[in-house]
Protein backbone atom coordinates (compact mmCIF):
# COMPACT_ATOMS: atom_id res chain seq x y z
CA MET A 1 18.94 89.74 -110.54
CA SER A 2 17.23 93.03 -109.72
CA ILE A 3 16.78 95.70 -112.40
CA GLN A 4 16.73 99.47 -112.00
CA VAL A 5 15.81 101.67 -114.96
CA ASP A 6 16.61 105.26 -114.04
CA GLN A 7 15.07 108.10 -116.10
CA VAL A 8 15.76 106.49 -119.46
CA THR A 9 15.03 108.42 -122.65
CA LYS A 10 15.56 107.06 -126.17
CA ARG A 11 15.05 108.85 -129.48
CA PHE A 12 15.22 107.69 -133.07
CA GLY A 13 15.74 110.87 -135.07
CA THR A 14 13.13 113.35 -133.90
CA PHE A 15 10.82 110.63 -132.51
CA THR A 16 11.01 110.00 -128.76
CA VAL A 17 10.43 106.28 -128.19
CA LEU A 18 11.03 106.34 -124.43
CA ASN A 19 10.44 109.48 -122.39
CA ASP A 20 11.99 109.62 -118.90
CA VAL A 21 11.14 106.00 -117.98
CA SER A 22 11.98 104.69 -114.51
CA LEU A 23 11.25 101.16 -113.30
CA HIS A 24 12.37 98.78 -110.56
CA VAL A 25 12.11 95.00 -111.00
CA ARG A 26 12.79 92.84 -107.96
CA GLU A 27 15.00 89.76 -108.13
CA GLY A 28 13.08 86.66 -109.25
CA GLU A 29 10.07 88.62 -110.56
CA LEU A 30 8.39 87.96 -113.89
CA VAL A 31 7.25 91.36 -115.16
CA ALA A 32 5.21 92.03 -118.31
CA LEU A 33 5.70 95.16 -120.39
CA LEU A 34 2.24 95.65 -121.87
CA GLY A 35 1.04 98.20 -124.40
CA PRO A 36 0.09 98.86 -128.01
CA SER A 37 2.55 98.75 -130.90
CA GLY A 38 4.91 101.71 -130.83
CA CYS A 39 4.62 102.39 -127.09
CA GLY A 40 8.34 101.70 -126.46
CA LYS A 41 8.21 98.31 -124.74
CA THR A 42 10.51 96.46 -127.16
CA THR A 43 12.97 99.36 -127.19
CA LEU A 44 13.14 99.22 -123.39
CA LEU A 45 13.75 95.45 -123.60
CA ARG A 46 16.58 95.96 -126.11
CA ILE A 47 18.15 98.58 -123.85
CA LEU A 48 18.05 96.12 -120.94
CA ALA A 49 19.72 93.51 -123.16
CA GLY A 50 22.46 95.89 -124.33
CA LEU A 51 21.28 95.90 -127.94
CA GLU A 52 20.47 99.62 -127.72
CA ARG A 53 21.92 102.47 -125.65
CA PRO A 54 19.72 105.11 -124.04
CA ASP A 55 20.24 108.74 -124.99
CA GLN A 56 19.71 109.67 -121.35
CA GLY A 57 19.40 107.71 -118.12
CA ARG A 58 21.07 104.67 -116.60
CA ILE A 59 20.53 100.92 -116.27
CA PHE A 60 21.50 98.94 -113.17
CA LEU A 61 21.56 95.13 -112.88
CA GLN A 62 21.89 93.84 -109.32
CA GLY A 63 23.00 97.32 -108.22
CA THR A 64 25.79 97.61 -110.79
CA GLU A 65 25.51 100.12 -113.62
CA VAL A 66 25.60 98.40 -117.02
CA THR A 67 24.47 101.27 -119.26
CA ASP A 68 27.60 101.01 -121.43
CA GLN A 69 28.04 97.23 -121.26
CA ARG A 70 27.52 95.11 -124.35
CA ILE A 71 25.07 92.20 -124.47
CA ASN A 72 27.76 89.55 -124.03
CA GLU A 73 28.82 91.17 -120.75
CA ARG A 74 25.37 91.19 -119.13
CA ARG A 75 24.54 87.46 -118.75
CA VAL A 76 21.17 87.99 -120.45
CA GLY A 77 19.04 85.39 -122.25
CA PHE A 78 16.93 86.75 -125.12
CA VAL A 79 13.97 84.94 -126.72
CA PHE A 80 12.57 86.46 -129.91
CA GLN A 81 9.07 86.22 -131.37
CA HIS A 82 10.17 84.33 -134.48
CA TYR A 83 12.41 81.78 -132.71
CA ALA A 84 15.62 82.71 -134.64
CA LEU A 85 16.68 79.05 -134.63
CA PHE A 86 19.46 77.84 -136.90
CA ARG A 87 17.69 75.80 -139.58
CA HIS A 88 20.78 73.73 -140.47
CA MET A 89 21.29 72.64 -136.85
CA SER A 90 19.48 69.95 -134.90
CA VAL A 91 17.47 70.81 -131.81
CA ALA A 92 20.32 69.66 -129.57
CA ASP A 93 22.89 71.73 -131.48
CA ASN A 94 20.65 74.80 -131.33
CA VAL A 95 20.36 74.50 -127.56
CA ALA A 96 24.12 73.94 -127.22
CA PHE A 97 25.10 76.86 -129.46
CA GLY A 98 25.45 79.50 -126.74
CA LEU A 99 27.73 77.21 -124.74
CA THR A 100 29.95 76.24 -127.69
CA VAL A 101 30.75 79.88 -128.57
CA LEU A 102 31.79 80.90 -125.04
CA PRO A 103 35.43 81.93 -124.63
CA ARG A 104 37.64 78.88 -124.14
CA ALA A 105 38.26 79.66 -120.48
CA GLN A 106 34.50 79.72 -119.76
CA ARG A 107 33.43 76.95 -122.13
CA PRO A 108 32.27 73.69 -120.49
CA SER A 109 33.65 70.37 -121.68
CA VAL A 110 31.92 68.55 -124.53
CA THR A 111 30.55 66.02 -122.05
CA ARG A 112 29.17 68.73 -119.78
CA ILE A 113 27.57 70.54 -122.76
CA GLN A 114 25.84 67.31 -123.77
CA GLU A 115 24.60 66.79 -120.22
CA LYS A 116 23.36 70.39 -120.05
CA VAL A 117 21.48 70.00 -123.34
CA ARG A 118 19.78 66.83 -122.09
CA GLU A 119 18.77 68.62 -118.85
CA LEU A 120 17.31 71.58 -120.73
CA LEU A 121 15.43 69.47 -123.25
CA GLY A 122 13.94 67.60 -120.31
CA LEU A 123 12.99 70.92 -118.71
CA VAL A 124 11.13 72.05 -121.85
CA GLN A 125 9.72 68.54 -122.43
CA LEU A 126 11.45 67.92 -125.77
CA GLN A 127 13.84 65.08 -124.96
CA ALA A 128 12.58 62.98 -127.89
CA MET A 129 13.18 65.84 -130.35
CA ALA A 130 16.94 66.25 -129.83
CA ASP A 131 17.93 64.99 -133.31
CA ARG A 132 15.19 66.75 -135.25
CA TYR A 133 15.55 69.99 -137.18
CA PRO A 134 13.46 73.16 -136.65
CA SER A 135 11.48 72.51 -139.84
CA GLN A 136 10.26 69.24 -138.31
CA LEU A 137 8.80 70.93 -135.21
CA SER A 138 5.56 72.74 -134.51
CA GLY A 139 5.59 76.45 -133.70
CA GLY A 140 5.14 75.78 -130.00
CA GLN A 141 7.99 73.27 -129.97
CA ARG A 142 10.30 75.70 -131.77
CA GLN A 143 9.56 78.38 -129.21
CA ARG A 144 10.44 75.99 -126.39
CA VAL A 145 13.73 75.17 -128.14
CA ALA A 146 14.46 78.91 -128.34
CA LEU A 147 13.78 79.23 -124.62
CA ALA A 148 16.04 76.26 -123.81
CA ARG A 149 18.82 77.83 -125.88
CA ALA A 150 18.44 81.10 -123.94
CA LEU A 151 18.60 79.21 -120.63
CA ALA A 152 21.69 77.20 -121.62
CA VAL A 153 24.14 79.96 -120.70
CA GLU A 154 22.49 80.25 -117.25
CA PRO A 155 21.41 83.88 -117.68
CA LYS A 156 20.75 86.08 -114.67
CA LEU A 157 18.04 87.85 -116.65
CA LEU A 158 15.61 86.37 -119.20
CA LEU A 159 14.11 88.74 -121.77
CA LEU A 160 11.19 87.59 -123.93
CA ASP A 161 10.05 89.72 -126.87
CA GLU A 162 6.50 88.71 -127.88
CA PRO A 163 7.56 85.05 -127.58
CA PHE A 164 4.13 83.61 -128.40
CA GLY A 165 2.93 86.22 -130.89
CA ALA A 166 3.40 83.99 -133.96
CA LEU A 167 1.42 81.08 -132.51
CA ASP A 168 -2.27 80.27 -132.66
CA ALA A 169 -4.49 81.05 -129.66
CA LYS A 170 -4.64 77.54 -128.20
CA VAL A 171 -0.88 76.98 -128.35
CA ARG A 172 -0.26 80.45 -126.88
CA LYS A 173 -2.48 79.62 -123.91
CA GLU A 174 -0.71 76.32 -123.28
CA LEU A 175 2.76 77.86 -123.55
CA ARG A 176 2.12 80.79 -121.26
CA ARG A 177 0.90 78.43 -118.52
CA TRP A 178 3.99 76.34 -119.10
CA LEU A 179 6.20 79.48 -118.92
CA ARG A 180 4.64 80.46 -115.60
CA ARG A 181 5.34 77.01 -114.15
CA LEU A 182 8.90 77.08 -115.52
CA HIS A 183 9.54 80.50 -113.99
CA ASP A 184 8.24 79.36 -110.61
CA GLU A 185 10.71 76.47 -110.79
CA LEU A 186 13.78 78.43 -111.93
CA HIS A 187 13.18 81.81 -110.20
CA ILE A 188 15.01 83.74 -112.92
CA THR A 189 14.19 87.43 -113.19
CA GLY A 190 12.17 87.76 -116.38
CA ILE A 191 10.81 90.57 -118.55
CA LEU A 192 8.06 89.66 -121.00
CA VAL A 193 7.06 92.08 -123.77
CA THR A 194 3.52 91.60 -125.06
CA HIS A 195 0.54 93.49 -126.46
CA ASP A 196 -1.76 90.63 -125.36
CA GLN A 197 -3.47 91.75 -122.15
CA GLU A 198 -4.69 88.25 -121.28
CA GLU A 199 -1.15 86.93 -121.58
CA ALA A 200 0.25 89.66 -119.31
CA LEU A 201 -2.45 89.28 -116.67
CA GLU A 202 -2.13 85.48 -116.58
CA VAL A 203 1.66 85.12 -116.58
CA ALA A 204 3.21 88.12 -114.81
CA ASP A 205 3.79 88.90 -111.14
CA ARG A 206 3.47 92.58 -112.04
CA VAL A 207 2.33 94.39 -115.18
CA VAL A 208 3.87 97.59 -116.56
CA VAL A 209 1.35 99.33 -118.82
CA MET A 210 3.08 101.59 -121.35
CA HIS A 211 1.71 104.24 -123.71
CA GLN A 212 3.51 106.68 -126.01
CA GLY A 213 6.91 106.10 -124.47
CA ARG A 214 5.81 106.47 -120.85
CA ILE A 215 4.73 104.16 -118.05
CA GLU A 216 1.03 104.65 -117.27
CA GLN A 217 0.81 102.22 -114.33
CA VAL A 218 2.73 99.46 -112.57
CA GLY A 219 0.97 96.89 -110.41
CA THR A 220 -0.16 93.33 -109.93
CA PRO A 221 -2.57 91.96 -112.55
CA ASP A 222 -5.45 92.52 -110.14
CA GLU A 223 -4.37 96.10 -109.36
CA VAL A 224 -4.07 97.28 -112.95
CA TYR A 225 -7.32 95.61 -114.04
CA GLU A 226 -9.52 96.40 -111.04
CA HIS A 227 -8.02 99.80 -110.20
CA PRO A 228 -6.78 101.45 -113.42
CA ALA A 229 -4.86 104.65 -112.73
CA THR A 230 -5.62 106.41 -116.02
CA PRO A 231 -8.27 106.41 -118.77
CA PHE A 232 -5.79 104.71 -121.12
CA VAL A 233 -5.24 101.78 -118.74
CA TYR A 234 -8.99 101.40 -118.27
CA GLN A 235 -9.61 101.24 -122.03
CA PHE A 236 -6.59 99.09 -122.86
CA LEU A 237 -7.24 96.38 -120.27
CA GLY A 238 -10.42 94.50 -121.04
CA ASP A 239 -13.66 95.60 -122.66
CA VAL A 240 -15.20 98.84 -121.43
CA ASN A 241 -18.08 101.18 -122.22
CA VAL A 242 -17.14 104.85 -122.39
CA PHE A 243 -19.69 107.57 -121.61
CA HIS A 244 -18.77 111.22 -122.26
CA GLY A 245 -20.29 114.12 -120.39
CA ARG A 246 -19.78 117.35 -118.46
CA VAL A 247 -20.11 118.08 -114.80
CA ALA A 248 -23.26 120.11 -114.22
CA GLN A 249 -25.21 120.29 -110.96
CA GLU A 250 -23.38 117.22 -109.66
CA GLN A 251 -24.53 114.96 -112.50
CA LEU A 252 -23.05 113.83 -115.76
CA ALA A 253 -24.91 114.87 -118.88
CA HIS A 254 -24.74 114.17 -122.62
CA GLY A 255 -24.78 110.38 -122.94
CA SER A 256 -24.04 109.72 -119.30
CA VAL A 257 -24.83 106.75 -117.11
CA GLY A 258 -27.22 108.85 -115.05
CA ALA A 259 -27.48 110.51 -111.67
CA GLU A 260 -25.51 107.79 -109.88
CA ALA A 261 -22.27 109.21 -111.30
CA VAL A 262 -22.07 112.02 -108.74
CA LEU A 263 -19.02 114.26 -108.36
CA PRO A 264 -18.08 116.92 -105.79
CA SER A 265 -20.24 120.04 -106.17
CA ASP A 266 -17.26 122.42 -106.21
CA VAL A 267 -15.91 121.01 -109.49
CA PRO A 268 -16.35 123.57 -112.30
CA ASP A 269 -17.81 122.58 -115.65
CA GLU A 270 -15.30 120.43 -117.47
CA HIS A 271 -15.17 117.33 -119.65
CA GLU A 272 -15.69 114.03 -117.84
CA VAL A 273 -15.52 110.44 -119.02
CA THR A 274 -17.20 107.53 -117.24
CA PHE A 275 -15.95 103.96 -117.73
CA VAL A 276 -18.11 100.89 -117.08
CA ARG A 277 -17.14 97.27 -117.74
CA PRO A 278 -19.75 95.22 -119.65
CA HIS A 279 -20.18 92.82 -116.71
CA ASP A 280 -20.83 95.78 -114.37
CA LEU A 281 -24.00 96.85 -116.19
CA GLU A 282 -27.38 95.75 -114.82
CA VAL A 283 -30.20 95.18 -117.34
CA ASN A 284 -33.93 95.24 -116.52
CA ARG A 285 -37.07 94.98 -118.60
CA SER A 286 -38.77 97.86 -116.76
CA ARG A 287 -37.50 101.10 -115.26
CA THR A 288 -36.70 100.78 -111.55
CA ASN A 289 -35.10 104.21 -110.96
CA SER A 290 -34.66 107.53 -112.78
CA SER A 291 -30.93 107.07 -113.42
CA GLN A 292 -31.37 104.20 -115.85
CA LEU A 293 -30.66 104.56 -119.55
CA GLU A 294 -33.28 103.39 -122.01
CA ALA A 295 -31.81 101.28 -124.80
CA ASN A 296 -32.73 98.89 -127.60
CA VAL A 297 -31.35 95.37 -127.95
CA ARG A 298 -29.38 95.32 -131.21
CA HIS A 299 -27.61 91.97 -131.11
CA VAL A 300 -27.28 88.95 -128.83
CA LEU A 301 -24.28 86.57 -128.82
CA ALA A 302 -25.19 83.63 -126.60
CA ALA A 303 -22.24 81.36 -127.45
CA GLY A 304 -19.89 80.51 -124.60
CA SER A 305 -20.25 80.67 -120.84
CA ARG A 306 -21.36 84.32 -120.85
CA VAL A 307 -23.90 86.12 -123.04
CA ARG A 308 -22.80 89.34 -124.76
CA ILE A 309 -25.52 91.82 -125.67
CA GLU A 310 -25.15 94.90 -127.84
CA LEU A 311 -27.48 97.78 -126.98
CA SER A 312 -28.16 101.16 -128.58
CA THR A 313 -29.25 104.14 -126.46
CA GLN A 314 -32.47 105.94 -127.37
CA GLU A 315 -31.08 109.50 -127.21
CA SER A 316 -27.57 109.34 -128.69
CA ALA A 317 -27.60 105.95 -130.48
CA GLN A 318 -24.44 105.08 -128.52
CA VAL A 319 -23.54 101.40 -128.65
CA ILE A 320 -23.29 99.73 -125.22
CA GLU A 321 -21.90 96.25 -124.58
CA VAL A 322 -23.37 94.22 -121.72
CA GLU A 323 -22.22 90.84 -120.41
CA LEU A 324 -24.70 88.62 -118.57
CA THR A 325 -24.59 85.18 -117.04
CA LYS A 326 -26.53 82.50 -118.88
CA GLU A 327 -28.98 82.34 -115.97
CA ARG A 328 -29.70 86.09 -116.02
CA TYR A 329 -30.09 86.06 -119.81
CA ARG A 330 -32.62 83.21 -119.64
CA GLU A 331 -34.46 85.02 -116.85
CA LEU A 332 -34.77 88.20 -118.94
CA ASN A 333 -35.54 86.26 -122.14
CA LEU A 334 -34.32 89.15 -124.29
CA ARG A 335 -34.95 89.45 -128.02
CA GLU A 336 -33.44 91.78 -130.62
CA GLY A 337 -35.43 95.01 -130.99
CA GLU A 338 -36.79 95.02 -127.42
CA VAL A 339 -36.46 98.01 -125.07
CA VAL A 340 -34.47 97.55 -121.83
CA PHE A 341 -33.24 99.79 -119.01
CA VAL A 342 -29.59 99.84 -118.00
CA HIS A 343 -27.62 101.17 -115.04
CA PRO A 344 -24.08 100.50 -113.73
CA ARG A 345 -23.28 98.62 -110.56
CA HIS A 346 -19.73 99.99 -110.63
CA ARG A 347 -18.18 102.85 -112.58
CA ARG A 348 -15.09 105.08 -112.70
CA VAL A 349 -15.12 108.76 -113.63
CA PHE A 350 -12.04 110.60 -114.92
CA LYS A 351 -11.63 114.33 -115.39
CA LEU A 352 -10.21 115.33 -118.77
CA PRO A 353 -8.85 118.70 -119.94
CA ARG A 354 -11.48 121.03 -121.36
CA PRO A 355 -11.64 120.33 -125.14
């Protein structure tokens, strides 16, 4: 099922939650709505489900306008963060629930419902748990039951609202890989709401980055991470060092990354911000060119496959994060308190309005 969101605006009182949002989701895609709390992603999901109506704009599913349709008319499966399982029902009865409450003319036979439940429990790898109750399951197992229940009515669209947010990090990682494999098998159009950037980048075909009720960027995980369209996207996705400055004689000043950040000479003085990922910073023990920043080593975290180093600049005392390979760290043999020289291999400069 394809989705078309056309200039949707939604307000709660005087607060605008969604501001003229337009989005196209292709049939069979798994798309992540990513952004901080309050950016409007869950409201957009609820509008797609039919749980909320937009104040302006239209919603199309497979080319048909459904703006005024209720949730039970849209063939949508909804998976919530906190499972919303019926505690007094077994796993099998929870999965069967959506089928048992269908209108009589649409309701499968008891035998077919039982077969469908067995198929779905096999799909989510919980066949042995059919007779257990939610309280007897782990968080990850409960979430898989919730997903099986959503799939039971054969939805054309699957909506997931922070489905792994209540789980610990290890279980979240396992479940999102499992979800990606399941989606590849079923090819249902899916919308995943999350504030977890790693989750969005790992699971989704495309990522929609939202901020303050608007869409900042839409693209593949690689596109939004490697080629951020706005300063917000750059800062929200992954760790980044931010250097503020002004354009003056083609160089950034005031805590800049040096003369390598060159801009066109016809740009008037205005505020500029340079973004550099920690892994894009080169560290040396001695100065090799005039554009390098002099800094002190404040802290070294050598645990894990990469070494994270916290530096402090000599002039402005700005904190800079650097990420090195284990090999490069051993080669430099850095110690806290030592002086090093830093310059970026890659950077991105954005123009900002004059403050």
